[in-house]
């Protein structure tokens, strides 16, 4: 199986658990924070945790904390 490259103009790793997906629509910057569920060896699931319109250069810390909380909740309920 061929390893796929990540497009750095669309994806950004925020920390070891959360990624940012960048979308531009009608001159509006939309951000979706997500995480990976790699528990199956043959499949990877991308889970969108939250989305928001980006109005400043930095991602608000509360949005990253929200994504981490939703990630914990997701894996707690999955078991």
PDB file of N, CA and C in Angstrom:
ATOM      1  N   UNK A   1       0.845  -1.179   0.000  1.00  0.00           N
ATOM      2  CA  UNK A   1       0.000   0.000   0.000  1.00  0.00           C
ATOM      3  C   UNK A   1       0.887   1.238   0.000  1.00  0.00           C
ATOM      4  N   UNK A   2       0.537   2.197  -0.818  1.00  0.00           N
ATOM      5  CA  UNK A   2       1.316   3.413  -0.957  1.00  0.00           C
ATOM      6  C   UNK A   2       0.946   4.423   0.127  1.00  0.00           C
ATOM      7  N   UNK A   3       1.951   5.007   0.740  1.00  0.00           N
ATOM      8  CA  UNK A   3       1.715   6.030   1.754  1.00  0.00           C
ATOM      9  C   UNK A   3       1.315   7.337   1.074  1.00  0.00           C
ATOM     10  N   UNK A   4       0.245   7.972   1.564  1.00  0.00           N
ATOM     11  CA  UNK A   4      -0.215   9.220   0.981  1.00  0.00           C
ATOM     12  C   UNK A   4       0.388  10.399   1.716  1.00  0.00           C
ATOM     13  N   UNK A   5       0.679  11.431   0.965  1.00  0.00           N
ATOM     14  CA  UNK A   5       1.218  12.654   1.543  1.00  0.00           C
ATOM     15  C   UNK A   5       0.085  13.548   2.010  1.00  0.00           C
ATOM     16  N   UNK A   6       0.326  14.323   3.052  1.00  0.00           N
ATOM     17  CA  UNK A   6      -0.660  15.268   3.570  1.00  0.00           C
ATOM     18  C   UNK A   6      -0.403  16.629   2.938  1.00  0.00           C
ATOM     19  N   UNK A   7      -1.449  17.228   2.404  1.00  0.00           N
ATOM     20  CA  UNK A   7      -1.364  18.548   1.790  1.00  0.00           C
ATOM     21  C   UNK A   7      -1.290  19.597   2.899  1.00  0.00           C
ATOM     22  N   UNK A   8      -0.129  20.213   3.064  1.00  0.00           N
ATOM     23  CA  UNK A   8       0.079  21.183   4.153  1.00  0.00           C
ATOM     24  C   UNK A   8      -0.732  22.457   3.993  1.00  0.00           C
ATOM     25  N   UNK A   9      -1.272  22.705   2.799  1.00  0.00           N
ATOM     26  CA  UNK A   9      -2.110  23.886   2.643  1.00  0.00           C
ATOM     27  C   UNK A   9      -3.523  23.637   3.184  1.00  0.00           C
ATOM     28  N   UNK A  10      -3.882  22.378   3.402  1.00  0.00           N
ATOM     29  CA  UNK A  10      -5.208  22.031   3.907  1.00  0.00           C
ATOM     30  C   UNK A  10      -5.194  21.503   5.330  1.00  0.00           C
ATOM     31  N   UNK A  11      -4.120  20.812   5.716  1.00  0.00           N
ATOM     32  CA  UNK A  11      -4.055  20.153   7.011  1.00  0.00           C
ATOM     33  C   UNK A  11      -2.908  20.711   7.840  1.00  0.00           C
ATOM     34  N   UNK A  12      -3.152  20.871   9.123  1.00  0.00           N
ATOM     35  CA  UNK A  12      -2.096  21.329  10.028  1.00  0.00           C
ATOM     36  C   UNK A  12      -2.232  20.569  11.334  1.00  0.00           C
ATOM     37  N   UNK A  13      -1.153  19.989  11.788  1.00  0.00           N
ATOM     38  CA  UNK A  13      -1.144  19.275  13.058  1.00  0.00           C
ATOM     39  C   UNK A  13      -0.998  20.299  14.178  1.00  0.00           C
ATOM     40  N   UNK A  14      -2.007  20.367  15.052  1.00  0.00           N
ATOM     41  CA  UNK A  14      -1.964  21.339  16.146  1.00  0.00           C
ATOM     42  C   UNK A  14      -1.202  20.808  17.342  1.00  0.00           C
ATOM     43  N   UNK A  15      -1.362  19.528  17.622  1.00  0.00           N
ATOM     44  CA  UNK A  15      -0.613  18.857  18.680  1.00  0.00           C
ATOM     45  C   UNK A  15      -0.634  17.369  18.374  1.00  0.00           C
ATOM     46  N   UNK A  16      -0.301  16.533  19.345  1.00  0.00           N
ATOM     47  CA  UNK A  16      -0.189  15.107  19.060  1.00  0.00           C
ATOM     48  C   UNK A  16      -1.535  14.411  18.857  1.00  0.00           C
ATOM     49  N   UNK A  17      -2.658  15.111  19.100  1.00  0.00           N
ATOM     50  CA  UNK A  17      -3.969  14.466  19.005  1.00  0.00           C
ATOM     51  C   UNK A  17      -4.966  15.179  18.101  1.00  0.00           C
ATOM     52  N   UNK A  18      -4.780  16.452  17.844  1.00  0.00           N
ATOM     53  CA  UNK A  18      -5.776  17.229  17.099  1.00  0.00           C
ATOM     54  C   UNK A  18      -5.152  17.868  15.858  1.00  0.00           C
ATOM     55  N   UNK A  19      -5.901  17.798  14.758  1.00  0.00           N
ATOM     56  CA  UNK A  19      -5.502  18.402  13.483  1.00  0.00           C
ATOM     57  C   UNK A  19      -6.494  19.488  13.105  1.00  0.00           C
ATOM     58  N   UNK A  20      -6.017  20.418  12.312  1.00  0.00           N
ATOM     59  CA  UNK A  20      -6.865  21.472  11.763  1.00  0.00           C
ATOM     60  C   UNK A  20      -6.989  21.244  10.260  1.00  0.00           C
ATOM     61  N   UNK A  21      -8.222  21.255   9.763  1.00  0.00           N
ATOM     62  CA  UNK A  21      -8.486  21.205   8.332  1.00  0.00           C
ATOM     63  C   UNK A  21      -8.923  22.600   7.913  1.00  0.00           C
ATOM     64  N   UNK A  22      -8.251  23.154   6.910  1.00  0.00           N
ATOM     65  CA  UNK A  22      -8.534  24.527   6.480  1.00  0.00           C
ATOM     66  C   UNK A  22      -9.346  24.526   5.194  1.00  0.00           C
ATOM     67  N   UNK A  23     -10.407  25.310   5.192  1.00  0.00           N
ATOM     68  CA  UNK A  23     -11.276  25.412   4.036  1.00  0.00           C
ATOM     69  C   UNK A  23     -11.534  26.899   3.774  1.00  0.00           C
ATOM     70  N   UNK A  24     -11.517  27.280   2.529  1.00  0.00           N
ATOM     71  CA  UNK A  24     -11.851  28.662   2.158  1.00  0.00           C
ATOM     72  C   UNK A  24     -13.079  28.607   1.257  1.00  0.00           C
ATOM     73  N   UNK A  25     -14.137  29.325   1.650  1.00  0.00           N
ATOM     74  CA  UNK A  25     -15.372  29.343   0.885  1.00  0.00           C
ATOM     75  C   UNK A  25     -15.881  30.772   0.810  1.00  0.00           C
ATOM     76  N   UNK A  26     -16.023  31.302  -0.399  1.00  0.00           N
ATOM     77  CA  UNK A  26     -16.479  32.685  -0.597  1.00  0.00           C
ATOM     78  C   UNK A  26     -15.704  33.672   0.266  1.00  0.00           C
ATOM     79  N   UNK A  27     -14.402  33.582   0.233  1.00  0.00           N
ATOM     80  CA  UNK A  27     -13.499  34.449   0.991  1.00  0.00           C
ATOM     81  C   UNK A  27     -13.643  34.327   2.500  1.00  0.00           C
ATOM     82  N   UNK A  28     -14.236  33.248   2.960  1.00  0.00           N
ATOM     83  CA  UNK A  28     -14.381  33.003   4.394  1.00  0.00           C
ATOM     84  C   UNK A  28     -13.492  31.829   4.774  1.00  0.00           C
ATOM     85  N   UNK A  29     -12.693  32.006   5.808  1.00  0.00           N
ATOM     86  CA  UNK A  29     -11.815  30.952   6.303  1.00  0.00           C
ATOM     87  C   UNK A  29     -12.588  30.089   7.291  1.00  0.00           C
ATOM     88  N   UNK A  30     -12.783  28.834   6.959  1.00  0.00           N
ATOM     89  CA  UNK A  30     -13.485  27.903   7.832  1.00  0.00           C
ATOM     90  C   UNK A  30     -12.462  26.891   8.346  1.00  0.00           C
ATOM     91  N   UNK A  31     -12.533  26.592   9.618  1.00  0.00           N
ATOM     92  CA  UNK A  31     -11.629  25.628  10.232  1.00  0.00           C
ATOM     93  C   UNK A  31     -12.442  24.506  10.850  1.00  0.00           C
ATOM     94  N   UNK A  32     -11.974  23.286  10.641  1.00  0.00           N
ATOM     95  CA  UNK A  32     -12.572  22.116  11.260  1.00  0.00           C
ATOM     96  C   UNK A  32     -11.476  21.426  12.052  1.00  0.00           C
ATOM     97  N   UNK A  33     -11.694  21.233  13.351  1.00  0.00           N
ATOM     98  CA  UNK A  33     -10.734  20.511  14.180  1.00  0.00           C
ATOM     99  C   UNK A  33     -11.166  19.057  14.227  1.00  0.00           C
ATOM    100  N   UNK A  34     -10.209  18.175  14.070  1.00  0.00           N
ATOM    101  CA  UNK A  34     -10.532  16.752  13.974  1.00  0.00           C
ATOM    102  C   UNK A  34      -9.421  15.922  14.598  1.00  0.00           C
ATOM    103  N   UNK A  35      -9.722  14.630  14.736  1.00  0.00           N
ATOM    104  CA  UNK A  35      -8.725  13.681  15.242  1.00  0.00           C
ATOM    105  C   UNK A  35      -8.885  12.375  14.489  1.00  0.00           C
ATOM    106  N   UNK A  36      -7.903  11.514  14.614  1.00  0.00           N
ATOM    107  CA  UNK A  36      -7.867  10.239  13.903  1.00  0.00           C
ATOM    108  C   UNK A  36      -8.231   9.103  14.849  1.00  0.00           C
ATOM    109  N   UNK A  37      -9.010   8.160  14.348  1.00  0.00           N
ATOM    110  CA  UNK A  37      -9.280   6.905  15.057  1.00  0.00           C
ATOM    111  C   UNK A  37      -8.573   5.823  14.257  1.00  0.00           C
ATOM    112  N   UNK A  38      -7.389   5.415  14.731  1.00  0.00           N
ATOM    113  CA  UNK A  38      -6.553   4.438  14.028  1.00  0.00           C
ATOM    114  C   UNK A  38      -6.542   3.086  14.726  1.00  0.00           C
ATOM    115  N   UNK A  39      -7.590   2.772  15.451  1.00  0.00           N
ATOM    116  CA  UNK A  39      -7.575   1.533  16.222  1.00  0.00           C
ATOM    117  C   UNK A  39      -7.642   0.291  15.341  1.00  0.00           C
ATOM    118  N   UNK A  40      -8.188   0.397  14.150  1.00  0.00           N
ATOM    119  CA  UNK A  40      -8.172  -0.724  13.219  1.00  0.00           C
ATOM    120  C   UNK A  40      -6.917  -0.603  12.366  1.00  0.00           C
ATOM    121  N   UNK A  41      -6.252  -1.707  12.123  1.00  0.00           N
ATOM    122  CA  UNK A  41      -4.992  -1.657  11.387  1.00  0.00           C
ATOM    123  C   UNK A  41      -5.192  -1.414   9.896  1.00  0.00           C
ATOM    124  N   UNK A  42      -6.377  -1.712   9.385  1.00  0.00           N
ATOM    125  CA  UNK A  42      -6.610  -1.552   7.947  1.00  0.00           C
ATOM    126  C   UNK A  42      -7.383  -0.291   7.589  1.00  0.00           C
ATOM    127  N   UNK A  43      -7.946   0.381   8.575  1.00  0.00           N
ATOM    128  CA  UNK A  43      -8.756   1.568   8.313  1.00  0.00           C
ATOM    129  C   UNK A  43      -8.406   2.686   9.284  1.00  0.00           C
ATOM    130  N   UNK A  44      -8.540   3.910   8.808  1.00  0.00           N
ATOM    131  CA  UNK A  44      -8.398   5.083   9.664  1.00  0.00           C
ATOM    132  C   UNK A  44      -9.644   5.922   9.496  1.00  0.00           C
ATOM    133  N   UNK A  45     -10.238   6.315  10.596  1.00  0.00           N
ATOM    134  CA  UNK A  45     -11.433   7.144  10.582  1.00  0.00           C
ATOM    135  C   UNK A  45     -11.045   8.552  11.030  1.00  0.00           C
ATOM    136  N   UNK A  46     -11.453   9.554  10.266  1.00  0.00           N
ATOM    137  CA  UNK A  46     -11.236  10.941  10.649  1.00  0.00           C
ATOM    138  C   UNK A  46     -12.531  11.443  11.274  1.00  0.00           C
ATOM    139  N   UNK A  47     -12.448  11.920  12.512  1.00  0.00           N
ATOM    140  CA  UNK A  47     -13.631  12.371  13.245  1.00  0.00           C
ATOM    141  C   UNK A  47     -13.554  13.890  13.391  1.00  0.00           C
ATOM    142  N   UNK A  48     -14.533  14.582  12.814  1.00  0.00           N
ATOM    143  CA  UNK A  48     -14.604  16.042  12.937  1.00  0.00           C
ATOM    144  C   UNK A  48     -15.181  16.381  14.303  1.00  0.00           C
ATOM    145  N   UNK A  49     -14.422  17.116  15.096  1.00  0.00           N
ATOM    146  CA  UNK A  49     -14.848  17.445  16.458  1.00  0.00           C
ATOM    147  C   UNK A  49     -15.620  18.754  16.519  1.00  0.00           C
ATOM    148  N   UNK A  50     -15.156  19.764  15.806  1.00  0.00           N
ATOM    149  CA  UNK A  50     -15.837  21.061  15.835  1.00  0.00           C
ATOM    150  C   UNK A  50     -15.397  21.894  14.642  1.00  0.00           C
ATOM    151  N   UNK A  51     -16.192  22.862  14.323  1.00  0.00           N
ATOM    152  CA  UNK A  51     -15.876  23.766  13.227  1.00  0.00           C
ATOM    153  C   UNK A  51     -16.202  25.193  13.616  1.00  0.00           C
ATOM    154  N   UNK A  52     -15.505  26.141  13.001  1.00  0.00           N
ATOM    155  CA  UNK A  52     -15.736  27.547  13.303  1.00  0.00           C
ATOM    156  C   UNK A  52     -15.174  28.398  12.174  1.00  0.00           C
ATOM    157  N   UNK A  53     -15.631  29.622  12.101  1.00  0.00           N
ATOM    158  CA  UNK A  53     -15.102  30.575  11.140  1.00  0.00           C
ATOM    159  C   UNK A  53     -13.924  31.276  11.798  1.00  0.00           C
ATOM    160  N   UNK A  54     -12.810  31.249  11.110  1.00  0.00           N
ATOM    161  CA  UNK A  54     -11.593  31.825  11.674  1.00  0.00           C
ATOM    162  C   UNK A  54     -11.568  33.330  11.424  1.00  0.00           C
ATOM    163  N   UNK A  55     -11.486  34.095  12.500  1.00  0.00           N
ATOM    164  CA  UNK A  55     -11.503  35.555  12.401  1.00  0.00           C
ATOM    165  C   UNK A  55     -10.181  36.172  12.843  1.00  0.00           C
ATOM    166  N   UNK A  56      -9.292  35.358  13.394  1.00  0.00           N
ATOM    167  CA  UNK A  56      -8.013  35.863  13.865  1.00  0.00           C
ATOM    168  C   UNK A  56      -6.911  34.913  13.420  1.00  0.00           C
ATOM    169  N   UNK A  57      -5.671  35.320  13.585  1.00  0.00           N
ATOM    170  CA  UNK A  57      -4.567  34.515  13.083  1.00  0.00           C
ATOM    171  C   UNK A  57      -4.335  33.234  13.887  1.00  0.00           C
ATOM    172  N   UNK A  58      -4.618  33.264  15.174  1.00  0.00           N
ATOM    173  CA  UNK A  58      -4.431  32.083  16.015  1.00  0.00           C
ATOM    174  C   UNK A  58      -5.764  31.398  16.260  1.00  0.00           C
ATOM    175  N   UNK A  59      -5.702  30.080  16.428  1.00  0.00           N
ATOM    176  CA  UNK A  59      -6.895  29.319  16.774  1.00  0.00           C
ATOM    177  C   UNK A  59      -7.172  29.537  18.262  1.00  0.00           C
ATOM    178  N   UNK A  60      -8.396  29.896  18.608  1.00  0.00           N
ATOM    179  CA  UNK A  60      -8.710  30.092  20.030  1.00  0.00           C
ATOM    180  C   UNK A  60      -8.458  28.815  20.840  1.00  0.00           C
ATOM    181  N   UNK A  61      -7.829  28.979  22.009  1.00  0.00           N
ATOM    182  CA  UNK A  61      -7.518  27.826  22.858  1.00  0.00           C
ATOM    183  C   UNK A  61      -8.772  27.061  23.258  1.00  0.00           C
ATOM    184  N   UNK A  62      -9.891  27.767  23.421  1.00  0.00           N
ATOM    185  CA  UNK A  62     -11.127  27.084  23.807  1.00  0.00           C
ATOM    186  C   UNK A  62     -11.594  26.118  22.725  1.00  0.00           C
ATOM    187  N   UNK A  63     -11.300  26.425  21.461  1.00  0.00           N
ATOM    188  CA  UNK A  63     -11.669  25.520  20.369  1.00  0.00           C
ATOM    189  C   UNK A  63     -10.816  24.245  20.407  1.00  0.00           C
ATOM    190  N   UNK A  64      -9.538  24.397  20.716  1.00  0.00           N
ATOM    191  CA  UNK A  64      -8.651  23.231  20.818  1.00  0.00           C
ATOM    192  C   UNK A  64      -9.043  22.389  22.028  1.00  0.00           C
ATOM    193  N   UNK A  65      -9.344  23.041  23.141  1.00  0.00           N
ATOM    194  CA  UNK A  65      -9.789  22.310  24.343  1.00  0.00           C
ATOM    195  C   UNK A  65     -11.093  21.567  24.074  1.00  0.00           C
ATOM    196  N   UNK A  66     -11.990  22.190  23.335  1.00  0.00           N
ATOM    197  CA  UNK A  66     -13.262  21.559  22.972  1.00  0.00           C
ATOM    198  C   UNK A  66     -13.009  20.295  22.146  1.00  0.00           C
ATOM    199  N   UNK A  67     -12.099  20.371  21.196  1.00  0.00           N
ATOM    200  CA  UNK A  67     -11.765  19.205  20.364  1.00  0.00           C
ATOM    201  C   UNK A  67     -11.176  18.079  21.219  1.00  0.00           C
ATOM    202  N   UNK A  68     -10.329  18.424  22.168  1.00  0.00           N
ATOM    203  CA  UNK A  68      -9.754  17.408  23.052  1.00  0.00           C
ATOM    204  C   UNK A  68     -10.840  16.762  23.925  1.00  0.00           C
ATOM    205  N   UNK A  69     -11.757  17.570  24.434  1.00  0.00           N
ATOM    206  CA  UNK A  69     -12.848  17.023  25.252  1.00  0.00           C
ATOM    207  C   UNK A  69     -13.730  16.089  24.440  1.00  0.00           C
ATOM    208  N   UNK A  70     -14.046  16.484  23.217  1.00  0.00           N
ATOM    209  CA  UNK A  70     -14.868  15.629  22.358  1.00  0.00           C
ATOM    210  C   UNK A  70     -14.133  14.354  21.962  1.00  0.00           C
ATOM    211  N   UNK A  71     -12.827  14.448  21.796  1.00  0.00           N
ATOM    212  CA  UNK A  71     -12.026  13.260  21.492  1.00  0.00           C
ATOM    213  C   UNK A  71     -12.081  12.268  22.645  1.00  0.00           C
ATOM    214  N   UNK A  72     -11.895  12.766  23.862  1.00  0.00           N
ATOM    215  CA  UNK A  72     -11.965  11.899  25.049  1.00  0.00           C
ATOM    216  C   UNK A  72     -13.337  11.248  25.161  1.00  0.00           C
ATOM    217  N   UNK A  73     -14.385  12.025  24.979  1.00  0.00           N
ATOM    218  CA  UNK A  73     -15.740  11.513  25.038  1.00  0.00           C
ATOM    219  C   UNK A  73     -15.976  10.443  23.970  1.00  0.00           C
ATOM    220  N   UNK A  74     -15.486  10.685  22.771  1.00  0.00           N
ATOM    221  CA  UNK A  74     -15.621   9.728  21.676  1.00  0.00           C
ATOM    222  C   UNK A  74     -14.992   8.385  22.034  1.00  0.00           C
ATOM    223  N   UNK A  75     -13.727   8.410  22.479  1.00  0.00           N
ATOM    224  CA  UNK A  75     -13.041   7.148  22.786  1.00  0.00           C
ATOM    225  C   UNK A  75     -13.592   6.486  24.040  1.00  0.00           C
ATOM    226  N   UNK A  76     -14.060   7.262  25.015  1.00  0.00           N
ATOM    227  CA  UNK A  76     -14.683   6.676  26.202  1.00  0.00           C
ATOM    228  C   UNK A  76     -15.961   5.922  25.841  1.00  0.00           C
ATOM    229  N   UNK A  77     -16.758   6.491  24.945  1.00  0.00           N
ATOM    230  CA  UNK A  77     -18.015   5.867  24.550  1.00  0.00           C
ATOM    231  C   UNK A  77     -17.819   4.729  23.544  1.00  0.00           C
ATOM    232  N   UNK A  78     -16.692   4.733  22.866  1.00  0.00           N
ATOM    233  CA  UNK A  78     -16.435   3.702  21.853  1.00  0.00           C
ATOM    234  C   UNK A  78     -16.062   2.365  22.495  1.00  0.00           C
ATOM    235  N   UNK A  79     -15.548   2.393  23.712  1.00  0.00           N
ATOM    236  CA  UNK A  79     -15.082   1.161  24.366  1.00  0.00           C
ATOM    237  C   UNK A  79     -16.184   0.373  24.953  1.00  0.00           C
TER     238      UNK A  79
END
